[in-house]
Protein backbone atom coordinates (compact mmCIF):
# COMPACT_ATOMS: atom_id res chain seq x y z
CA ARG A 1 24.14 -23.31 0.53
CA THR A 2 20.48 -24.87 0.44
CA LEU A 3 19.99 -27.97 -0.99
CA THR A 4 17.22 -27.60 -3.92
CA ILE A 5 15.69 -30.64 -5.77
CA ALA A 6 14.36 -30.15 -9.27
CA ASP A 7 12.81 -32.23 -11.84
CA GLY A 8 15.11 -32.96 -14.66
CA GLY A 9 14.18 -29.95 -16.66
CA TYR A 10 17.21 -28.68 -14.76
CA PRO A 11 20.51 -30.17 -15.94
CA GLY A 12 23.90 -28.34 -15.24
CA THR A 13 22.77 -25.85 -12.74
CA GLY A 14 23.60 -27.54 -9.61
CA LEU A 15 20.05 -28.84 -8.51
CA VAL A 16 19.40 -32.51 -7.47
CA MET A 17 17.45 -34.08 -10.28
CA PRO A 18 16.47 -37.69 -10.77
CA HIS A 19 18.75 -39.93 -12.15
CA ARG A 20 18.30 -40.68 -15.84
CA ARG A 21 19.41 -43.92 -17.58
CA LEU A 22 21.51 -44.39 -20.64
CA LYS A 23 19.40 -45.90 -23.74
CA GLY A 24 19.63 -49.56 -23.54
CA GLU A 25 20.32 -49.33 -19.93
CA ALA A 26 18.95 -50.07 -16.68
CA LEU A 27 19.30 -47.88 -13.55
CA PRO A 28 21.31 -49.77 -10.72
CA ASP A 29 18.62 -50.13 -7.61
CA TRP A 30 20.35 -47.63 -5.35
CA LYS A 31 19.64 -44.68 -8.10
CA GLN A 32 15.96 -46.16 -8.24
CA ALA A 33 15.76 -45.85 -4.83
CA HIS A 34 16.88 -42.42 -4.73
CA ASN A 35 14.61 -41.43 -7.53
CA LYS A 36 11.59 -43.05 -5.54
CA SER A 37 12.57 -40.65 -2.61
CA HIS A 38 12.86 -37.74 -4.59
CA LYS A 39 9.64 -38.19 -6.52
CA GLN A 40 7.91 -38.51 -3.33
CA VAL A 41 9.41 -35.31 -1.79
CA ARG A 42 8.87 -33.55 -5.07
CA ALA A 43 4.99 -34.96 -4.78
CA ARG A 44 4.26 -33.27 -1.40
CA VAL A 45 5.89 -30.01 -2.47
CA GLU A 46 3.68 -29.99 -5.66
CA HIS A 47 0.83 -30.66 -3.67
CA VAL A 48 1.56 -27.58 -1.16
CA PHE A 49 1.80 -25.47 -4.38
CA ALA A 50 -1.31 -26.61 -5.79
CA ARG A 51 -2.91 -26.31 -2.31
CA MET A 52 -1.77 -22.50 -1.83
CA LYS A 53 -2.40 -21.54 -5.30
CA THR A 54 -6.50 -21.69 -3.80
CA TRP A 55 -6.09 -19.42 -1.32
CA LYS A 56 -7.36 -15.99 -1.67
CA ILE A 57 -4.42 -14.39 0.57
CA LEU A 58 -1.96 -15.54 -1.82
CA ARG A 59 -3.72 -13.95 -4.75
CA ASP A 60 -4.40 -10.64 -3.38
CA CYS A 61 -0.39 -10.06 -2.98
CA ARG A 62 0.05 -9.70 -6.59
CA LEU A 63 3.70 -10.21 -5.66
CA LYS A 64 4.03 -6.37 -4.60
CA GLY A 65 6.87 -5.75 -2.03
CA ASP A 66 7.49 -8.07 -0.10
CA GLY A 67 3.56 -9.11 0.95
CA VAL A 68 4.40 -12.71 -0.26
CA HIS A 69 7.02 -12.92 2.31
CA HIS A 70 4.52 -12.09 4.77
CA ALA A 71 1.75 -14.02 3.70
CA MET A 72 3.47 -17.34 3.33
CA LEU A 73 5.29 -16.70 6.52
CA GLY A 74 1.66 -16.78 8.38
CA ILE A 75 0.51 -19.38 6.38
CA ALA A 76 3.38 -21.48 7.42
CA ARG A 77 2.73 -20.97 10.87
CA MET A 78 -0.55 -21.29 10.76
CA HIS A 79 -0.10 -24.81 8.91
CA ASN A 80 2.35 -25.87 11.80
CA LEU A 81 -0.25 -24.91 14.46
CA ALA A 82 -3.08 -26.89 12.69
CA LEU A 83 -0.29 -29.72 12.66
CA ALA A 84 0.44 -29.67 16.11
CA GLY A 85 -2.90 -29.80 17.04
């Protein structure tokens, strides 16, 4: 039961998506605030994905077996250590 956020391309899937306005209407303030926070979280995640794509360790895994899983665990641990100082 993980809360998963997505962009607007996944309607009807149960994922948390930005609110859309109807033609000719404006979104209420609370929906605009929700869309803003949603956009900020997604931007962070997308930046992480872009950065990980440049790391050789992920390119070498080639999605065989659980190599990507182990690589991601190691990368996450190293990243958390770097953040902790």
